[in-house]
Every structure is written in structure tokens, then in C-alpha cells.
Amino acid sequence: MAAAITGRYPADSATESDTALGEEFWLVRPMVFTALHRSEDGAEHRDCFVDSDGVVRLPYGLASAETVTHWAELPTLPGGTTHLALGEDAQSALRNAWGARSLT
């Protein structure tokens, strides 16, 4: 799924005052939602989003420094019903998508 996160870059101390909060940003990343996730350190997380870097984020409003504000299911790949392809399946999905695209 696609999930939106927001935050602030740290203030650049060389060009901004010590009281500046930095620049606000929005970022949309592909993530998975899972009922149970175990981090590399063994911590257990429930009903959370996990990105490709292994960062665990909770839905907005829950107690977490990393939250997801909006999310949506990714669209299907062209010419199929698959939403996501990983590993070896990604190459054949890409070839199929390019083939479907050239037919339109």
C-alpha cells in the first residue's frame, strides 16, 4: 500500500536560528500493513505499517514518533490483478506490464 508520512527536517544550525523547527515535509512510500511485526531487536509491534527499511510506523493518533497519516491500496499492475511483485516475480511482472502497455 502507499502510505503518507509527515515530519520536519532538522533546522540547519549554520543558516537558521536555534529556535527554528526546520522545514516540514510530506512523503508517500510503499509500505505493508501487518497485524504483528517483530523488529530485528525482537520488539513486537501490532497493527502497524512497515516500510522497506524496516521502520515501523503506527496509524496517526497512536503514541509513536513515526506515524502514517493517510494510506491507500496500490493499484494493480497493468494487465493483471497483482498489486505487488517482489524478488524474481518482479522481472516477469515488469515484462508483462511493458507488454500490456504496448498493446494500448
Protein backbone atom coordinates (compact mmCIF):
# COMPACT_ATOMS: atom_id res chain seq x y z
CA MET A 1 0.00 0.00 0.00
CA ALA A 2 1.01 3.61 -0.35
CA ALA A 3 1.30 5.42 2.97
CA ALA A 4 1.88 9.12 3.68
CA ILE A 5 4.13 10.31 6.48
CA THR A 6 4.95 13.81 7.62
CA GLY A 7 7.64 15.39 9.75
CA ARG A 8 10.21 18.16 9.92
CA TYR A 9 13.77 18.25 8.74
CA PRO A 10 16.07 19.50 11.49
CA ALA A 11 16.95 23.19 11.34
CA ASP A 12 20.27 23.88 9.66
CA SER A 13 22.17 25.47 12.54
CA ALA A 14 24.52 27.26 10.16
CA THR A 15 21.75 29.19 8.40
CA GLU A 16 18.77 29.15 10.80
CA SER A 17 18.33 30.34 14.35
CA ASP A 18 18.43 27.88 17.25
CA THR A 19 14.66 28.28 17.69
CA ALA A 20 13.76 27.29 14.10
CA LEU A 21 11.91 24.00 13.74
CA GLY A 22 13.17 23.19 10.26
CA GLU A 23 11.21 22.56 7.10
CA GLU A 24 8.00 20.49 7.15
CA PHE A 25 7.76 17.62 4.65
CA TRP A 26 5.24 15.06 3.32
CA LEU A 27 6.42 11.77 1.87
CA VAL A 28 4.49 8.89 0.30
CA ARG A 29 6.19 5.48 0.48
CA PRO A 30 5.21 1.92 -0.28
CA MET A 31 4.60 0.01 2.96
CA VAL A 32 2.89 -3.11 4.21
CA PHE A 33 0.30 -3.21 6.97
CA THR A 34 0.57 -6.14 9.33
CA ALA A 35 -1.26 -7.34 12.43
CA LEU A 36 2.03 -8.49 14.01
CA HIS A 37 5.62 -7.48 13.22
CA ARG A 38 8.78 -8.43 15.08
CA SER A 39 11.67 -5.99 14.65
CA GLU A 40 15.28 -7.13 14.37
CA ASP A 41 15.75 -6.23 18.05
CA GLY A 42 12.93 -8.63 18.98
CA ALA A 43 10.38 -5.92 19.78
CA GLU A 44 6.80 -6.88 18.93
CA HIS A 45 4.54 -4.39 17.13
CA ARG A 46 0.82 -4.84 16.47
CA ASP A 47 -1.39 -3.27 13.77
CA CYS A 48 1.41 -1.28 12.19
CA PHE A 49 2.90 -0.20 8.89
CA VAL A 50 6.42 -1.31 7.96
CA ASP A 51 8.46 0.29 5.17
CA SER A 52 11.25 -1.26 3.09
CA ASP A 53 13.85 0.00 5.56
CA GLY A 54 12.13 -1.88 8.40
CA VAL A 55 10.89 1.33 10.04
CA VAL A 56 7.69 0.63 11.99
CA ARG A 57 5.01 3.31 11.86
CA LEU A 58 1.64 3.37 13.59
CA PRO A 59 -1.60 4.87 12.28
CA TYR A 60 -2.00 8.59 13.04
CA GLY A 61 -3.22 9.35 16.55
CA LEU A 62 -1.45 6.46 18.27
CA ALA A 63 1.52 7.05 20.54
CA SER A 64 4.51 6.90 18.19
CA ALA A 65 7.21 9.20 16.86
CA GLU A 66 6.68 7.63 13.42
CA THR A 67 3.04 7.79 12.26
CA VAL A 68 1.17 7.28 8.99
CA THR A 69 -1.39 9.98 8.22
CA HIS A 70 -3.03 8.52 5.08
CA TRP A 71 -2.91 5.22 3.23
CA ALA A 72 -4.34 3.57 0.14
CA GLU A 73 -4.02 0.22 -1.60
CA LEU A 74 -1.66 0.31 -4.55
CA PRO A 75 -3.32 -0.05 -7.97
CA THR A 76 -2.97 -3.33 -9.84
CA LEU A 77 -0.12 -3.81 -12.26
CA PRO A 78 -1.15 -3.24 -15.90
CA GLY A 79 -2.95 -6.19 -17.46
CA GLY A 80 -3.37 -8.16 -14.23
CA THR A 81 -4.80 -8.37 -10.77
CA THR A 82 -1.47 -8.25 -8.88
CA HIS A 83 -0.78 -5.26 -6.65
CA LEU A 84 2.85 -6.04 -5.75
CA ALA A 85 5.66 -8.19 -7.14
CA LEU A 86 8.90 -8.86 -5.28
CA GLY A 87 12.06 -10.85 -5.99
CA GLU A 88 12.15 -12.96 -9.15
CA ASP A 89 8.45 -12.26 -9.80
CA ALA A 90 9.24 -8.59 -10.30
CA GLN A 91 11.08 -9.18 -13.60
CA SER A 92 8.23 -11.14 -15.21
CA ALA A 93 5.67 -8.63 -13.87
CA LEU A 94 7.70 -5.80 -15.42
CA ARG A 95 7.89 -7.60 -18.78
CA ASN A 96 4.12 -8.24 -18.64
CA ALA A 97 3.43 -4.60 -17.74
CA TRP A 98 5.54 -3.33 -20.64
CA GLY A 99 3.78 -5.79 -22.96
CA ALA A 100 0.33 -4.66 -21.77
CA ARG A 101 1.35 -1.03 -22.16
CA SER A 102 2.42 -1.50 -25.78
CA LEU A 103 -1.00 -3.03 -26.59
CA THR A 104 -2.87 0.10 -25.56
